PDB file of N, CA and C in Angstrom:
ATOM      1  N   MET A   1       0.786  -1.189   0.000  1.00  0.00           N
ATOM      2  CA  MET A   1       0.000   0.000   0.000  1.00  0.00           C
ATOM      3  C   MET A   1       0.837   1.267   0.000  1.00  0.00           C
ATOM      4  N   PRO A   2       2.022   1.277   0.601  1.00  0.00           N
ATOM      5  CA  PRO A   2       2.815   2.499   0.472  1.00  0.00           C
ATOM      6  C   PRO A   2       3.085   2.796  -1.002  1.00  0.00           C
ATOM      7  N   GLN A   3       2.849   4.041  -1.389  1.00  0.00           N
ATOM      8  CA  GLN A   3       3.011   4.445  -2.779  1.00  0.00           C
ATOM      9  C   GLN A   3       4.042   5.559  -2.861  1.00  0.00           C
ATOM     10  N   LEU A   4       5.034   5.364  -3.722  1.00  0.00           N
ATOM     11  CA  LEU A   4       6.051   6.385  -3.950  1.00  0.00           C
ATOM     12  C   LEU A   4       5.943   6.845  -5.384  1.00  0.00           C
ATOM     13  N   ARG A   5       5.706   8.140  -5.562  1.00  0.00           N
ATOM     14  CA  ARG A   5       5.609   8.744  -6.888  1.00  0.00           C
ATOM     15  C   ARG A   5       6.839   9.626  -7.090  1.00  0.00           C
ATOM     16  N   PHE A   6       7.621   9.278  -8.100  1.00  0.00           N
ATOM     17  CA  PHE A   6       8.891   9.948  -8.368  1.00  0.00           C
ATOM     18  C   PHE A   6       8.721  10.984  -9.471  1.00  0.00           C
ATOM     19  N   HIS A   7       8.960  12.242  -9.145  1.00  0.00           N
ATOM     20  CA  HIS A   7       8.967  13.340 -10.111  1.00  0.00           C
ATOM     21  C   HIS A   7      10.420  13.756 -10.307  1.00  0.00           C
ATOM     22  N   GLY A   8      10.804  14.014 -11.555  1.00  0.00           N
ATOM     23  CA  GLY A   8      12.151  14.504 -11.821  1.00  0.00           C
ATOM     24  C   GLY A   8      13.241  13.454 -11.675  1.00  0.00           C
ATOM     25  N   VAL A   9      12.856  12.187 -11.701  1.00  0.00           N
ATOM     26  CA  VAL A   9      13.829  11.093 -11.627  1.00  0.00           C
ATOM     27  C   VAL A   9      13.554  10.181 -12.827  1.00  0.00           C
ATOM     28  N   LYS A  10      14.574   9.894 -13.574  1.00  0.00           N
ATOM     29  CA  LYS A  10      14.406   9.062 -14.767  1.00  0.00           C
ATOM     30  C   LYS A  10      14.038   7.620 -14.384  1.00  0.00           C
ATOM     31  N   LYS A  11      13.136   7.045 -15.157  1.00  0.00           N
ATOM     32  CA  LYS A  11      12.650   5.691 -14.922  1.00  0.00           C
ATOM     33  C   LYS A  11      13.790   4.685 -14.826  1.00  0.00           C
ATOM     34  N   GLU A  12      14.780   4.799 -15.703  1.00  0.00           N
ATOM     35  CA  GLU A  12      15.909   3.865 -15.690  1.00  0.00           C
ATOM     36  C   GLU A  12      16.701   3.966 -14.394  1.00  0.00           C
ATOM     37  N   GLN A  13      16.779   5.151 -13.818  1.00  0.00           N
ATOM     38  CA  GLN A  13      17.493   5.311 -12.548  1.00  0.00           C
ATOM     39  C   GLN A  13      16.705   4.686 -11.394  1.00  0.00           C
ATOM     40  N   ILE A  14      15.391   4.829 -11.423  1.00  0.00           N
ATOM     41  CA  ILE A  14      14.549   4.217 -10.386  1.00  0.00           C
ATOM     42  C   ILE A  14      14.707   2.695 -10.416  1.00  0.00           C
ATOM     43  N   LYS A  15      14.759   2.141 -11.606  1.00  0.00           N
ATOM     44  CA  LYS A  15      14.915   0.689 -11.746  1.00  0.00           C
ATOM     45  C   LYS A  15      16.200   0.202 -11.064  1.00  0.00           C
ATOM     46  N   LYS A  16      17.256   1.012 -11.114  1.00  0.00           N
ATOM     47  CA  LYS A  16      18.545   0.598 -10.548  1.00  0.00           C
ATOM     48  C   LYS A  16      18.473   0.370  -9.040  1.00  0.00           C
ATOM     49  N   PHE A  17      17.703   1.172  -8.329  1.00  0.00           N
ATOM     50  CA  PHE A  17      17.671   1.044  -6.875  1.00  0.00           C
ATOM     51  C   PHE A  17      16.340   0.515  -6.332  1.00  0.00           C
ATOM     52  N   SER A  18      15.399   0.209  -7.198  1.00  0.00           N
ATOM     53  CA  SER A  18      14.051  -0.139  -6.739  1.00  0.00           C
ATOM     54  C   SER A  18      14.007  -1.345  -5.793  1.00  0.00           C
ATOM     55  N   LYS A  19      14.753  -2.400  -6.095  1.00  0.00           N
ATOM     56  CA  LYS A  19      14.721  -3.585  -5.240  1.00  0.00           C
ATOM     57  C   LYS A  19      15.281  -3.279  -3.855  1.00  0.00           C
ATOM     58  N   ASP A  20      16.447  -2.660  -3.802  1.00  0.00           N
ATOM     59  CA  ASP A  20      17.058  -2.335  -2.513  1.00  0.00           C
ATOM     60  C   ASP A  20      16.201  -1.342  -1.731  1.00  0.00           C
ATOM     61  N   LEU A  21      15.622  -0.367  -2.428  1.00  0.00           N
ATOM     62  CA  LEU A  21      14.758   0.617  -1.770  1.00  0.00           C
ATOM     63  C   LEU A  21      13.573  -0.074  -1.107  1.00  0.00           C
ATOM     64  N   VAL A  22      12.887  -0.914  -1.857  1.00  0.00           N
ATOM     65  CA  VAL A  22      11.717  -1.605  -1.301  1.00  0.00           C
ATOM     66  C   VAL A  22      12.129  -2.559  -0.185  1.00  0.00           C
ATOM     67  N   ASP A  23      13.242  -3.252  -0.343  1.00  0.00           N
ATOM     68  CA  ASP A  23      13.723  -4.137   0.727  1.00  0.00           C
ATOM     69  C   ASP A  23      13.910  -3.363   2.037  1.00  0.00           C
ATOM     70  N   GLU A  24      14.580  -2.228   1.950  1.00  0.00           N
ATOM     71  CA  GLU A  24      14.850  -1.438   3.159  1.00  0.00           C
ATOM     72  C   GLU A  24      13.575  -0.856   3.762  1.00  0.00           C
ATOM     73  N   LEU A  25      12.698  -0.335   2.902  1.00  0.00           N
ATOM     74  CA  LEU A  25      11.453   0.242   3.416  1.00  0.00           C
ATOM     75  C   LEU A  25      10.539  -0.828   4.006  1.00  0.00           C
ATOM     76  N   ALA A  26      10.487  -1.992   3.372  1.00  0.00           N
ATOM     77  CA  ALA A  26       9.645  -3.085   3.893  1.00  0.00           C
ATOM     78  C   ALA A  26      10.116  -3.517   5.273  1.00  0.00           C
ATOM     79  N   THR A  27      11.418  -3.587   5.453  1.00  0.00           N
ATOM     80  CA  THR A  27      11.975  -3.939   6.762  1.00  0.00           C
ATOM     81  C   THR A  27      11.642  -2.873   7.793  1.00  0.00           C
ATOM     82  N   LEU A  28      11.821  -1.610   7.422  1.00  0.00           N
ATOM     83  CA  LEU A  28      11.547  -0.503   8.337  1.00  0.00           C
ATOM     84  C   LEU A  28      10.074  -0.457   8.750  1.00  0.00           C
ATOM     85  N   ILE A  29       9.207  -0.587   7.773  1.00  0.00           N
ATOM     86  CA  ILE A  29       7.776  -0.404   8.001  1.00  0.00           C
ATOM     87  C   ILE A  29       7.105  -1.673   8.519  1.00  0.00           C
ATOM     88  N   GLY A  30       7.670  -2.826   8.173  1.00  0.00           N
ATOM     89  CA  GLY A  30       7.032  -4.086   8.530  1.00  0.00           C
ATOM     90  C   GLY A  30       5.867  -4.396   7.614  1.00  0.00           C
ATOM     91  N   CYS A  31       6.063  -4.095   6.353  1.00  0.00           N
ATOM     92  CA  CYS A  31       5.021  -4.248   5.342  1.00  0.00           C
ATOM     93  C   CYS A  31       5.540  -5.189   4.252  1.00  0.00           C
ATOM     94  N   PRO A  32       4.691  -6.086   3.718  1.00  0.00           N
ATOM     95  CA  PRO A  32       5.165  -6.973   2.641  1.00  0.00           C
ATOM     96  C   PRO A  32       5.653  -6.184   1.431  1.00  0.00           C
ATOM     97  N   ARG A  33       6.685  -6.694   0.786  1.00  0.00           N
ATOM     98  CA  ARG A  33       7.286  -6.038  -0.376  1.00  0.00           C
ATOM     99  C   ARG A  33       6.268  -5.799  -1.496  1.00  0.00           C
ATOM    100  N   ASP A  34       5.370  -6.761  -1.688  1.00  0.00           N
ATOM    101  CA  ASP A  34       4.433  -6.646  -2.806  1.00  0.00           C
ATOM    102  C   ASP A  34       3.312  -5.637  -2.555  1.00  0.00           C
ATOM    103  N   HIS A  35       3.318  -4.993  -1.409  1.00  0.00           N
ATOM    104  CA  HIS A  35       2.347  -3.935  -1.145  1.00  0.00           C
ATOM    105  C   HIS A  35       2.834  -2.570  -1.627  1.00  0.00           C
ATOM    106  N   PHE A  36       4.113  -2.461  -1.976  1.00  0.00           N
ATOM    107  CA  PHE A  36       4.683  -1.191  -2.407  1.00  0.00           C
ATOM    108  C   PHE A  36       4.365  -0.916  -3.870  1.00  0.00           C
ATOM    109  N   VAL A  37       4.119   0.343  -4.168  1.00  0.00           N
ATOM    110  CA  VAL A  37       3.915   0.802  -5.540  1.00  0.00           C
ATOM    111  C   VAL A  37       4.920   1.923  -5.800  1.00  0.00           C
ATOM    112  N   LEU A  38       5.743   1.749  -6.828  1.00  0.00           N
ATOM    113  CA  LEU A  38       6.677   2.792  -7.257  1.00  0.00           C
ATOM    114  C   LEU A  38       6.199   3.285  -8.619  1.00  0.00           C
ATOM    115  N   GLU A  39       6.026   4.585  -8.736  1.00  0.00           N
ATOM    116  CA  GLU A  39       5.527   5.158  -9.983  1.00  0.00           C
ATOM    117  C   GLU A  39       6.482   6.244 -10.469  1.00  0.00           C
ATOM    118  N   ALA A  40       6.908   6.128 -11.718  1.00  0.00           N
ATOM    119  CA  ALA A  40       7.759   7.140 -12.343  1.00  0.00           C
ATOM    120  C   ALA A  40       6.858   8.118 -13.082  1.00  0.00           C
ATOM    121  N   ILE A  41       6.819   9.355 -12.614  1.00  0.00           N
ATOM    122  CA  ILE A  41       5.990  10.389 -13.221  1.00  0.00           C
ATOM    123  C   ILE A  41       6.840  11.165 -14.226  1.00  0.00           C
ATOM    124  N   GLY A  42       6.381  11.251 -15.447  1.00  0.00           N
ATOM    125  CA  GLY A  42       7.083  12.047 -16.451  1.00  0.00           C
ATOM    126  C   GLY A  42       6.839  13.527 -16.173  1.00  0.00           C
ATOM    127  N   SER A  43       7.851  14.222 -15.739  1.00  0.00           N
ATOM    128  CA  SER A  43       7.707  15.625 -15.339  1.00  0.00           C
ATOM    129  C   SER A  43       8.434  16.551 -16.298  1.00  0.00           C
ATOM    130  N   ASN A  44       7.790  17.664 -16.602  1.00  0.00           N
ATOM    131  CA  ASN A  44       8.410  18.730 -17.380  1.00  0.00           C
ATOM    132  C   ASN A  44       8.437  19.961 -16.497  1.00  0.00           C
ATOM    133  N   TYR A  45       9.609  20.485 -16.239  1.00  0.00           N
ATOM    134  CA  TYR A  45       9.767  21.652 -15.387  1.00  0.00           C
ATOM    135  C   TYR A  45       9.972  22.885 -16.253  1.00  0.00           C
ATOM    136  N   ILE A  46       9.238  23.940 -15.934  1.00  0.00           N
ATOM    137  CA  ILE A  46       9.297  25.161 -16.726  1.00  0.00           C
ATOM    138  C   ILE A  46       9.541  26.345 -15.799  1.00  0.00           C
ATOM    139  N   PHE A  47      10.466  27.207 -16.202  1.00  0.00           N
ATOM    140  CA  PHE A  47      10.758  28.423 -15.450  1.00  0.00           C
ATOM    141  C   PHE A  47      11.038  29.546 -16.435  1.00  0.00           C
ATOM    142  N   ASP A  48      10.353  30.669 -16.267  1.00  0.00           N
ATOM    143  CA  ASP A  48      10.519  31.832 -17.137  1.00  0.00           C
ATOM    144  C   ASP A  48      10.390  31.487 -18.614  1.00  0.00           C
ATOM    145  N   GLY A  49       9.408  30.664 -18.924  1.00  0.00           N
ATOM    146  CA  GLY A  49       9.133  30.334 -20.314  1.00  0.00           C
ATOM    147  C   GLY A  49      10.070  29.325 -20.936  1.00  0.00           C
ATOM    148  N   GLU A  50      10.948  28.752 -20.153  1.00  0.00           N
ATOM    149  CA  GLU A  50      11.913  27.772 -20.653  1.00  0.00           C
ATOM    150  C   GLU A  50      11.772  26.454 -19.912  1.00  0.00           C
ATOM    151  N   GLU A  51      11.999  25.372 -20.624  1.00  0.00           N
ATOM    152  CA  GLU A  51      12.029  24.064 -19.979  1.00  0.00           C
ATOM    153  C   GLU A  51      13.395  23.902 -19.313  1.00  0.00           C
ATOM    154  N   ILE A  52      13.369  23.505 -18.050  1.00  0.00           N
ATOM    155  CA  ILE A  52      14.614  23.367 -17.289  1.00  0.00           C
ATOM    156  C   ILE A  52      14.716  21.959 -16.713  1.00  0.00           C
ATOM    157  N   GLU A  53      15.930  21.609 -16.300  1.00  0.00           N
ATOM    158  CA  GLU A  53      16.167  20.338 -15.617  1.00  0.00           C
ATOM    159  C   GLU A  53      15.541  20.439 -14.224  1.00  0.00           C
ATOM    160  N   GLY A  54      14.751  19.464 -13.874  1.00  0.00           N
ATOM    161  CA  GLY A  54      14.104  19.478 -12.570  1.00  0.00           C
ATOM    162  C   GLY A  54      14.942  18.792 -11.509  1.00  0.00           C
ATOM    163  N   TYR A  55      14.417  18.758 -10.335  1.00  0.00           N
ATOM    164  CA  TYR A  55      15.067  18.081  -9.219  1.00  0.00           C
ATOM    165  C   TYR A  55      14.136  16.980  -8.732  1.00  0.00           C
ATOM    166  N   PRO A  56      14.661  15.987  -8.069  1.00  0.00           N
ATOM    167  CA  PRO A  56      13.825  14.898  -7.582  1.00  0.00           C
ATOM    168  C   PRO A  56      12.874  15.352  -6.477  1.00  0.00           C
ATOM    169  N   PHE A  57      11.619  15.069  -6.687  1.00  0.00           N
ATOM    170  CA  PHE A  57      10.575  15.305  -5.691  1.00  0.00           C
ATOM    171  C   PHE A  57       9.782  14.010  -5.584  1.00  0.00           C
ATOM    172  N   ILE A  58       9.761  13.434  -4.394  1.00  0.00           N
ATOM    173  CA  ILE A  58       9.115  12.138  -4.197  1.00  0.00           C
ATOM    174  C   ILE A  58       7.932  12.317  -3.260  1.00  0.00           C
ATOM    175  N   GLU A  59       6.761  11.905  -3.750  1.00  0.00           N
ATOM    176  CA  GLU A  59       5.559  11.884  -2.929  1.00  0.00           C
ATOM    177  C   GLU A  59       5.449  10.480  -2.328  1.00  0.00           C
ATOM    178  N   PHE A  60       5.376  10.401  -1.031  1.00  0.00           N
ATOM    179  CA  PHE A  60       5.326   9.122  -0.318  1.00  0.00           C
ATOM    180  C   PHE A  60       3.983   9.066   0.402  1.00  0.00           C
ATOM    181  N   ALA A  61       3.069   8.255  -0.096  1.00  0.00           N
ATOM    182  CA  ALA A  61       1.730   8.134   0.490  1.00  0.00           C
ATOM    183  C   ALA A  61       1.638   6.823   1.265  1.00  0.00           C
ATOM    184  N   TRP A  62       1.126   6.912   2.502  1.00  0.00           N
ATOM    185  CA  TRP A  62       1.057   5.729   3.363  1.00  0.00           C
ATOM    186  C   TRP A  62       0.149   5.985   4.553  1.00  0.00           C
ATOM    187  N   PHE A  63      -0.019   4.977   5.401  1.00  0.00           N
ATOM    188  CA  PHE A  63      -0.675   5.153   6.692  1.00  0.00           C
ATOM    189  C   PHE A  63       0.390   5.641   7.673  1.00  0.00           C
ATOM    190  N   ASP A  64       0.021   6.558   8.552  1.00  0.00           N
ATOM    191  CA  ASP A  64       0.966   7.146   9.497  1.00  0.00           C
ATOM    192  C   ASP A  64       1.650   6.072  10.336  1.00  0.00           C
ATOM    193  N   ARG A  65       2.955   6.191  10.454  1.00  0.00           N
ATOM    194  CA  ARG A  65       3.744   5.259  11.259  1.00  0.00           C
ATOM    195  C   ARG A  65       4.615   5.997  12.276  1.00  0.00           C
ATOM    196  N   GLY A  66       4.303   7.246  12.511  1.00  0.00           N
ATOM    197  CA  GLY A  66       5.052   8.025  13.486  1.00  0.00           C
ATOM    198  C   GLY A  66       6.228   8.748  12.864  1.00  0.00           C
ATOM    199  N   LEU A  67       6.646   9.815  13.543  1.00  0.00           N
ATOM    200  CA  LEU A  67       7.699  10.674  13.006  1.00  0.00           C
ATOM    201  C   LEU A  67       9.052   9.975  12.911  1.00  0.00           C
ATOM    202  N   GLU A  68       9.378   9.131  13.865  1.00  0.00           N
ATOM    203  CA  GLU A  68      10.678   8.451  13.830  1.00  0.00           C
ATOM    204  C   GLU A  68      10.796   7.545  12.604  1.00  0.00           C
ATOM    205  N   VAL A  69       9.762   6.774  12.322  1.00  0.00           N
ATOM    206  CA  VAL A  69       9.770   5.896  11.147  1.00  0.00           C
ATOM    207  C   VAL A  69       9.740   6.737   9.874  1.00  0.00           C
ATOM    208  N   GLN A  70       8.965   7.805   9.888  1.00  0.00           N
ATOM    209  CA  GLN A  70       8.899   8.694   8.723  1.00  0.00           C
ATOM    210  C   GLN A  70      10.262   9.304   8.429  1.00  0.00           C
ATOM    211  N   ASP A  71      10.953   9.766   9.468  1.00  0.00           N
ATOM    212  CA  ASP A  71      12.303  10.312   9.276  1.00  0.00           C
ATOM    213  C   ASP A  71      13.234   9.272   8.652  1.00  0.00           C
ATOM    214  N   SER A  72      13.174   8.049   9.143  1.00  0.00           N
ATOM    215  CA  SER A  72      14.021   6.975   8.603  1.00  0.00           C
ATOM    216  C   SER A  72      13.662   6.669   7.156  1.00  0.00           C
ATOM    217  N   ALA A  73      12.371   6.651   6.841  1.00  0.00           N
ATOM    218  CA  ALA A  73      11.940   6.392   5.463  1.00  0.00           C
ATOM    219  C   ALA A  73      12.445   7.483   4.530  1.00  0.00           C
ATOM    220  N   ALA A  74      12.381   8.739   4.959  1.00  0.00           N
ATOM    221  CA  ALA A  74      12.884   9.848   4.137  1.00  0.00           C
ATOM    222  C   ALA A  74      14.385   9.713   3.894  1.00  0.00           C
ATOM    223  N   GLN A  75      15.115   9.292   4.915  1.00  0.00           N
ATOM    224  CA  GLN A  75      16.561   9.107   4.763  1.00  0.00           C
ATOM    225  C   GLN A  75      16.874   7.976   3.793  1.00  0.00           C
ATOM    226  N   ILE A  76      16.113   6.899   3.847  1.00  0.00           N
ATOM    227  CA  ILE A  76      16.318   5.769   2.931  1.00  0.00           C
ATOM    228  C   ILE A  76      16.064   6.213   1.492  1.00  0.00           C
ATOM    229  N   VAL A  77      14.954   6.897   1.255  1.00  0.00           N
ATOM    230  CA  VAL A  77      14.629   7.367  -0.096  1.00  0.00           C
ATOM    231  C   VAL A  77      15.726   8.317  -0.593  1.00  0.00           C
ATOM    232  N   THR A  78      16.122   9.265   0.238  1.00  0.00           N
ATOM    233  CA  THR A  78      17.146  10.237  -0.139  1.00  0.00           C
ATOM    234  C   THR A  78      18.455   9.540  -0.506  1.00  0.00           C
ATOM    235  N   LYS A  79      18.849   8.563   0.291  1.00  0.00           N
ATOM    236  CA  LYS A  79      20.099   7.828   0.029  1.00  0.00           C
ATOM    237  C   LYS A  79      20.064   7.182  -1.358  1.00  0.00           C
ATOM    238  N   HIS A  80      18.949   6.569  -1.708  1.00  0.00           N
ATOM    239  CA  HIS A  80      18.875   5.877  -2.994  1.00  0.00           C
ATOM    240  C   HIS A  80      18.816   6.844  -4.168  1.00  0.00           C
ATOM    241  N   ILE A  81      18.124   7.964  -4.004  1.00  0.00           N
ATOM    242  CA  ILE A  81      18.091   8.958  -5.084  1.00  0.00           C
ATOM    243  C   ILE A  81      19.495   9.529  -5.301  1.00  0.00           C
ATOM    244  N   LYS A  82      20.193   9.822  -4.218  1.00  0.00           N
ATOM    245  CA  LYS A  82      21.552  10.358  -4.341  1.00  0.00           C
ATOM    246  C   LYS A  82      22.518   9.329  -4.928  1.00  0.00           C
ATOM    247  N   SER A  83      22.233   8.043  -4.739  1.00  0.00           N
ATOM    248  CA  SER A  83      23.120   6.992  -5.248  1.00  0.00           C
ATOM    249  C   SER A  83      23.182   6.959  -6.773  1.00  0.00           C
ATOM    250  N   VAL A  84      22.191   7.580  -7.445  1.00  0.00           N
ATOM    251  CA  VAL A  84      22.206   7.606  -8.915  1.00  0.00           C
ATOM    252  C   VAL A  84      22.577   8.990  -9.443  1.00  0.00           C
ATOM    253  N   GLY A  85      23.174   9.839  -8.579  1.00  0.00           N
ATOM    254  CA  GLY A  85      23.783  11.068  -9.045  1.00  0.00           C
ATOM    255  C   GLY A  85      23.065  12.373  -8.753  1.00  0.00           C
ATOM    256  N   TYR A  86      21.923  12.331  -8.116  1.00  0.00           N
ATOM    257  CA  TYR A  86      21.244  13.585  -7.777  1.00  0.00           C
ATOM    258  C   TYR A  86      21.833  14.148  -6.494  1.00  0.00           C
ATOM    259  N   HIS A  87      21.860  15.473  -6.386  1.00  0.00           N
ATOM    260  CA  HIS A  87      22.463  16.120  -5.224  1.00  0.00           C
ATOM    261  C   HIS A  87      21.423  16.684  -4.266  1.00  0.00           C
ATOM    262  N   GLU A  88      20.240  16.977  -4.767  1.00  0.00           N
ATOM    263  CA  GLU A  88      19.173  17.526  -3.939  1.00  0.00           C
ATOM    264  C   GLU A  88      17.942  16.645  -4.096  1.00  0.00           C
ATOM    265  N   VAL A  89      17.295  16.348  -2.986  1.00  0.00           N
ATOM    266  CA  VAL A  89      16.119  15.470  -2.999  1.00  0.00           C
ATOM    267  C   VAL A  89      15.085  16.041  -2.043  1.00  0.00           C
ATOM    268  N   GLU A  90      13.838  16.078  -2.479  1.00  0.00           N
ATOM    269  CA  GLU A  90      12.746  16.473  -1.594  1.00  0.00           C
ATOM    270  C   GLU A  90      11.756  15.321  -1.507  1.00  0.00           C
ATOM    271  N   VAL A  91      11.319  15.025  -0.278  1.00  0.00           N
ATOM    272  CA  VAL A  91      10.361  13.953  -0.030  1.00  0.00           C
ATOM    273  C   VAL A  91       9.204  14.550   0.764  1.00  0.00           C
ATOM    274  N   ALA A  92       7.979  14.308   0.310  1.00  0.00           N
ATOM    275  CA  ALA A  92       6.789  14.782   1.016  1.00  0.00           C
ATOM    276  C   ALA A  92       5.898  13.584   1.330  1.00  0.00           C
ATOM    277  N   PHE A  93       5.443  13.504   2.560  1.00  0.00           N
ATOM    278  CA  PHE A  93       4.584  12.402   2.989  1.00  0.00           C
ATOM    279  C   PHE A  93       3.126  12.830   2.988  1.00  0.00           C
ATOM    280  N   MET A  94       2.285  11.994   2.414  1.00  0.00           N
ATOM    281  CA  MET A  94       0.843  12.159   2.458  1.00  0.00           C
ATOM    282  C   MET A  94       0.298  10.979   3.251  1.00  0.00           C
ATOM    283  N   VAL A  95      -0.525  11.270   4.222  1.00  0.00           N
ATOM    284  CA  VAL A  95      -1.009  10.233   5.127  1.00  0.00           C
ATOM    285  C   VAL A  95      -2.454   9.888   4.792  1.00  0.00           C
ATOM    286  N   TYR A  96      -2.681   8.604   4.542  1.00  0.00           N
ATOM    287  CA  TYR A  96      -4.036   8.112   4.334  1.00  0.00           C
ATOM    288  C   TYR A  96      -4.675   7.807   5.682  1.00  0.00           C
ATOM    289  N   GLU A  97      -5.968   8.055   5.777  1.00  0.00           N
ATOM    290  CA  GLU A  97      -6.725   7.661   6.962  1.00  0.00           C
ATOM    291  C   GLU A  97      -7.349   6.301   6.673  1.00  0.00           C
ATOM    292  N   THR A  98      -7.234   5.382   7.624  1.00  0.00           N
ATOM    293  CA  THR A  98      -7.719   4.016   7.388  1.00  0.00           C
ATOM    294  C   THR A  98      -9.208   3.993   7.046  1.00  0.00           C
ATOM    295  N   ARG A  99      -9.993   4.857   7.652  1.00  0.00           N
ATOM    296  CA  ARG A  99     -11.436   4.838   7.377  1.00  0.00           C
ATOM    297  C   ARG A  99     -11.776   5.446   6.019  1.00  0.00           C
ATOM    298  N   LYS A 100     -10.788   6.062   5.354  1.00  0.00           N
ATOM    299  CA  LYS A 100     -11.006   6.651   4.034  1.00  0.00           C
ATOM    300  C   LYS A 100     -10.267   5.899   2.930  1.00  0.00           C
ATOM    301  N   TYR A 101      -9.653   4.767   3.278  1.00  0.00           N
ATOM    302  CA  TYR A 101      -8.893   3.978   2.307  1.00  0.00           C
ATOM    303  C   TYR A 101      -9.600   2.638   2.146  1.00  0.00           C
ATOM    304  N   TYR A 102      -9.955   2.307   0.909  1.00  0.00           N
ATOM    305  CA  TYR A 102     -10.726   1.102   0.635  1.00  0.00           C
ATOM    306  C   TYR A 102      -9.943   0.146  -0.259  1.00  0.00           C
ATOM    307  N   GLU A 103     -10.088  -1.109   0.024  1.00  0.00           N
ATOM    308  CA  GLU A 103      -9.561  -2.166  -0.832  1.00  0.00           C
ATOM    309  C   GLU A 103     -10.719  -3.108  -1.104  1.00  0.00           C
ATOM    310  N   ASN A 104     -11.051  -3.263  -2.383  1.00  0.00           N
ATOM    311  CA  ASN A 104     -12.167  -4.108  -2.785  1.00  0.00           C
ATOM    312  C   ASN A 104     -13.457  -3.741  -2.064  1.00  0.00           C
ATOM    313  N   GLY A 105     -13.683  -2.430  -1.912  1.00  0.00           N
ATOM    314  CA  GLY A 105     -14.924  -1.944  -1.333  1.00  0.00           C
ATOM    315  C   GLY A 105     -14.990  -1.946   0.179  1.00  0.00           C
ATOM    316  N   GLN A 106     -13.907  -2.382   0.840  1.00  0.00           N
ATOM    317  CA  GLN A 106     -13.874  -2.439   2.300  1.00  0.00           C
ATOM    318  C   GLN A 106     -12.807  -1.501   2.821  1.00  0.00           C
ATOM    319  N   HIS A 107     -13.180  -0.672   3.813  1.00  0.00           N
ATOM    320  CA  HIS A 107     -12.158   0.210   4.367  1.00  0.00           C
ATOM    321  C   HIS A 107     -11.312  -0.534   5.388  1.00  0.00           C
ATOM    322  N   TYR A 108     -10.132  -0.010   5.623  1.00  0.00           N
ATOM    323  CA  TYR A 108      -9.192  -0.624   6.553  1.00  0.00           C
ATOM    324  C   TYR A 108      -9.631  -0.394   7.967  1.00  0.00           C
TER     325      TYR A 108
END
């Protein structure tokens, strides 16, 4: 169920670290590996009428697991993004509420 949406990161680069990233996050969170969704978003960044090179921005959607776990998850994501050559990384967490999240018509 944890969903990571990658903006400004090339799909081929995500593939390089995807297994290790999910392994580490699954261990941290205590969630099965097959519950993770990684999505590469094709992003076009524009500034002053020109297309520019963007920076990695990762949206991490999940059920709240506390600030300590969230901090560790952000560090894990940042480490893997930097491992493929990026110098700046931003991670934003979006928290789902269990009563508003449904799987097959049933809320958690």
